[in-house]
Amino acid sequence: MSDLTQPTGSLINNLQANSKQPVPKVGDGATMLMWTDRRPFTIIEVSKSGKTIKLQEDNAVRTDKNGMSDCQSYEYTRNPDGAIYTATLRKNGKWVRKGDTVKGTNFGIGYRDKHYDYSF
């Protein structure tokens, strides 16, 4: 059984981090799962082994009018100047930022999601 207390402080982020991940492909969306926030990315490179990916941060523009609310919606576009991260597939099936321990920053593969937690 997965430890749902790691690596995030959000139920949604924990569920996403502990779900089965699809095989990544260049152009697929990805989401960085932080403590309670999420940031959208695009996969820009997949290694031949399929165990290392490079991701570039996307632009996210808020489209709702809900103010400081958890109910948020965004429009995503590619950002050619976005920060680039490398993630590696770990034995537990999670994509984790290269250089982090297995409990480090996870990425969800196959979707883009932005969320800002206003309670911190």
C-alpha atoms as a PDB file:
ATOM      1  CA  MET A   1       0.000   0.000   0.000  1.00  0.00           C
ATOM      2  CA  SER A   2       1.280   3.460  -0.898  1.00  0.00           C
ATOM      3  CA  ASP A   3       2.025   5.985   1.818  1.00  0.00           C
ATOM      4  CA  LEU A   4      -0.568   8.660   1.018  1.00  0.00           C
ATOM      5  CA  THR A   5       1.080  11.120   3.421  1.00  0.00           C
ATOM      6  CA  GLN A   6       3.968  11.575   1.001  1.00  0.00           C
ATOM      7  CA  PRO A   7       5.120  13.488  -0.997  1.00  0.00           C
ATOM      8  CA  THR A   8       2.437  16.182  -0.812  1.00  0.00           C
ATOM      9  CA  GLY A   9       0.086  17.804   1.662  1.00  0.00           C
ATOM     10  CA  SER A  10      -2.966  17.701  -0.598  1.00  0.00           C
ATOM     11  CA  LEU A  11      -5.381  14.792  -1.026  1.00  0.00           C
ATOM     12  CA  ILE A  12      -5.740  15.562  -4.757  1.00  0.00           C
ATOM     13  CA  ASN A  13      -1.962  15.731  -5.241  1.00  0.00           C
ATOM     14  CA  ASN A  14      -1.496  12.485  -3.275  1.00  0.00           C
ATOM     15  CA  LEU A  15      -4.086  10.684  -5.382  1.00  0.00           C
ATOM     16  CA  GLN A  16      -2.443  11.917  -8.576  1.00  0.00           C
ATOM     17  CA  ALA A  17       1.079  11.076  -7.360  1.00  0.00           C
ATOM     18  CA  ASN A  18       0.044   7.555  -6.352  1.00  0.00           C
ATOM     19  CA  SER A  19      -1.970   6.699  -9.489  1.00  0.00           C
ATOM     20  CA  LYS A  20      -0.645   4.462 -12.265  1.00  0.00           C
ATOM     21  CA  GLN A  21       1.164   6.614 -14.811  1.00  0.00           C
ATOM     22  CA  PRO A  22       0.883   6.157 -18.599  1.00  0.00           C
ATOM     23  CA  VAL A  23       3.929   5.764 -20.831  1.00  0.00           C
ATOM     24  CA  PRO A  24       5.156   9.313 -21.561  1.00  0.00           C
ATOM     25  CA  LYS A  25       5.358  10.641 -25.107  1.00  0.00           C
ATOM     26  CA  VAL A  26       6.845  13.886 -26.442  1.00  0.00           C
ATOM     27  CA  GLY A  27       4.089  16.506 -26.512  1.00  0.00           C
ATOM     28  CA  ASP A  28       2.081  14.941 -23.677  1.00  0.00           C
ATOM     29  CA  GLY A  29       1.031  17.105 -20.769  1.00  0.00           C
ATOM     30  CA  ALA A  30       2.475  16.648 -17.310  1.00  0.00           C
ATOM     31  CA  THR A  31       1.868  18.194 -13.913  1.00  0.00           C
ATOM     32  CA  MET A  32       4.372  18.987 -11.174  1.00  0.00           C
ATOM     33  CA  LEU A  33       2.770  17.921  -7.884  1.00  0.00           C
ATOM     34  CA  MET A  34       4.062  20.110  -5.089  1.00  0.00           C
ATOM     35  CA  TRP A  35       2.931  20.327  -1.458  1.00  0.00           C
ATOM     36  CA  THR A  36      -0.538  21.714  -2.303  1.00  0.00           C
ATOM     37  CA  ASP A  37       0.087  23.516  -5.605  1.00  0.00           C
ATOM     38  CA  ARG A  38       0.321  22.103  -9.130  1.00  0.00           C
ATOM     39  CA  ARG A  39       2.139  23.452 -12.203  1.00  0.00           C
ATOM     40  CA  PRO A  40       1.573  22.451 -15.876  1.00  0.00           C
ATOM     41  CA  PHE A  41       4.306  21.106 -18.161  1.00  0.00           C
ATOM     42  CA  THR A  42       4.849  19.577 -21.592  1.00  0.00           C
ATOM     43  CA  ILE A  43       7.108  16.563 -22.114  1.00  0.00           C
ATOM     44  CA  ILE A  44       9.789  17.665 -24.567  1.00  0.00           C
ATOM     45  CA  GLU A  45      12.075  14.604 -24.531  1.00  0.00           C
ATOM     46  CA  VAL A  46      11.883  10.915 -23.610  1.00  0.00           C
ATOM     47  CA  SER A  47      15.072   8.851 -23.262  1.00  0.00           C
ATOM     48  CA  LYS A  48      15.538   5.701 -25.346  1.00  0.00           C
ATOM     49  CA  SER A  49      15.121   3.611 -22.194  1.00  0.00           C
ATOM     50  CA  GLY A  50      11.871   5.437 -21.392  1.00  0.00           C
ATOM     51  CA  LYS A  51      13.046   6.032 -17.831  1.00  0.00           C
ATOM     52  CA  THR A  52      14.071   9.685 -18.100  1.00  0.00           C
ATOM     53  CA  ILE A  53      12.010  12.595 -19.399  1.00  0.00           C
ATOM     54  CA  LYS A  54      12.572  16.314 -19.858  1.00  0.00           C
ATOM     55  CA  LEU A  55       9.659  18.624 -19.167  1.00  0.00           C
ATOM     56  CA  GLN A  56       9.170  22.310 -19.937  1.00  0.00           C
ATOM     57  CA  GLU A  57       6.870  24.502 -17.882  1.00  0.00           C
ATOM     58  CA  ASP A  58       3.781  25.773 -19.709  1.00  0.00           C
ATOM     59  CA  ASN A  59       1.922  29.071 -19.449  1.00  0.00           C
ATOM     60  CA  ALA A  60      -1.306  28.954 -17.450  1.00  0.00           C
ATOM     61  CA  VAL A  61      -3.803  31.822 -17.606  1.00  0.00           C
ATOM     62  CA  ARG A  62      -6.667  31.791 -15.159  1.00  0.00           C
ATOM     63  CA  THR A  63     -10.050  31.782 -16.916  1.00  0.00           C
ATOM     64  CA  ASP A  64     -12.519  31.816 -14.004  1.00  0.00           C
ATOM     65  CA  LYS A  65     -13.620  34.786 -11.907  1.00  0.00           C
ATOM     66  CA  ASN A  66     -13.628  33.011  -8.541  1.00  0.00           C
ATOM     67  CA  GLY A  67     -10.919  35.079  -6.856  1.00  0.00           C
ATOM     68  CA  MET A  68      -9.061  33.476  -3.954  1.00  0.00           C
ATOM     69  CA  SER A  69     -10.910  30.176  -4.315  1.00  0.00           C
ATOM     70  CA  ASP A  70     -10.014  26.504  -4.669  1.00  0.00           C
ATOM     71  CA  CYS A  71     -12.388  26.393  -7.658  1.00  0.00           C
ATOM     72  CA  GLN A  72      -9.956  27.407 -10.410  1.00  0.00           C
ATOM     73  CA  SER A  73      -9.814  26.915 -14.177  1.00  0.00           C
ATOM     74  CA  TYR A  74      -6.946  27.703 -16.529  1.00  0.00           C
ATOM     75  CA  GLU A  75      -6.051  27.833 -20.205  1.00  0.00           C
ATOM     76  CA  TYR A  76      -2.673  26.268 -21.031  1.00  0.00           C
ATOM     77  CA  THR A  77      -0.226  27.156 -23.798  1.00  0.00           C
ATOM     78  CA  ARG A  78       3.312  26.077 -24.549  1.00  0.00           C
ATOM     79  CA  ASN A  79       6.068  28.330 -23.217  1.00  0.00           C
ATOM     80  CA  PRO A  80       9.282  28.009 -25.269  1.00  0.00           C
ATOM     81  CA  ASP A  81      11.077  29.954 -22.516  1.00  0.00           C
ATOM     82  CA  GLY A  82       9.650  27.863 -19.658  1.00  0.00           C
ATOM     83  CA  ALA A  83      11.874  26.245 -17.051  1.00  0.00           C
ATOM     84  CA  ILE A  84      13.099  22.763 -17.995  1.00  0.00           C
ATOM     85  CA  TYR A  85      13.214  19.896 -15.504  1.00  0.00           C
ATOM     86  CA  THR A  86      14.347  16.297 -15.759  1.00  0.00           C
ATOM     87  CA  ALA A  87      12.422  13.492 -14.081  1.00  0.00           C
ATOM     88  CA  THR A  88      13.286   9.827 -13.694  1.00  0.00           C
ATOM     89  CA  LEU A  89      11.031   6.813 -13.335  1.00  0.00           C
ATOM     90  CA  ARG A  90      11.572   5.207  -9.937  1.00  0.00           C
ATOM     91  CA  LYS A  91      11.083   1.582  -8.892  1.00  0.00           C
ATOM     92  CA  ASN A  92       7.769   2.519  -7.243  1.00  0.00           C
ATOM     93  CA  GLY A  93       6.397   3.678 -10.633  1.00  0.00           C
ATOM     94  CA  LYS A  94       6.572   7.415  -9.823  1.00  0.00           C
ATOM     95  CA  TRP A  95       8.164  10.112 -11.948  1.00  0.00           C
ATOM     96  CA  VAL A  96      10.384  12.134  -9.584  1.00  0.00           C
ATOM     97  CA  ARG A  97      12.499  15.218 -10.279  1.00  0.00           C
ATOM     98  CA  LYS A  98      16.089  14.149 -10.977  1.00  0.00           C
ATOM     99  CA  GLY A  99      18.296  14.654  -7.936  1.00  0.00           C
ATOM    100  CA  ASP A 100      15.407  14.283  -5.454  1.00  0.00           C
ATOM    101  CA  THR A 101      14.869  11.282  -3.225  1.00  0.00           C
ATOM    102  CA  VAL A 102      11.939   8.997  -4.029  1.00  0.00           C
ATOM    103  CA  LYS A 103       9.835  11.215  -1.713  1.00  0.00           C
ATOM    104  CA  GLY A 104      10.777  14.320  -3.708  1.00  0.00           C
ATOM    105  CA  THR A 105       8.783  16.309  -6.245  1.00  0.00           C
ATOM    106  CA  ASN A 106       6.538  14.043  -8.341  1.00  0.00           C
ATOM    107  CA  PHE A 107       5.126  14.556 -11.819  1.00  0.00           C
ATOM    108  CA  GLY A 108       1.783  13.263 -13.043  1.00  0.00           C
ATOM    109  CA  ILE A 109       1.931  12.214 -16.696  1.00  0.00           C
ATOM    110  CA  GLY A 110      -0.742  12.659 -19.362  1.00  0.00           C
ATOM    111  CA  TYR A 111      -2.480  15.824 -18.133  1.00  0.00           C
ATOM    112  CA  ARG A 112      -1.806  19.486 -17.393  1.00  0.00           C
ATOM    113  CA  ASP A 113      -3.114  21.037 -14.208  1.00  0.00           C
ATOM    114  CA  LYS A 114      -2.492  24.310 -12.433  1.00  0.00           C
ATOM    115  CA  HIS A 115      -3.640  24.991  -8.904  1.00  0.00           C
ATOM    116  CA  TYR A 116      -2.611  27.711  -6.487  1.00  0.00           C
ATOM    117  CA  ASP A 117      -3.466  27.165  -2.824  1.00  0.00           C
ATOM    118  CA  TYR A 118      -4.350  30.558  -1.347  1.00  0.00           C
ATOM    119  CA  SER A 119      -4.363  29.239   2.228  1.00  0.00           C
ATOM    120  CA  PHE A 120      -0.555  29.432   2.521  1.00  0.00           C
END
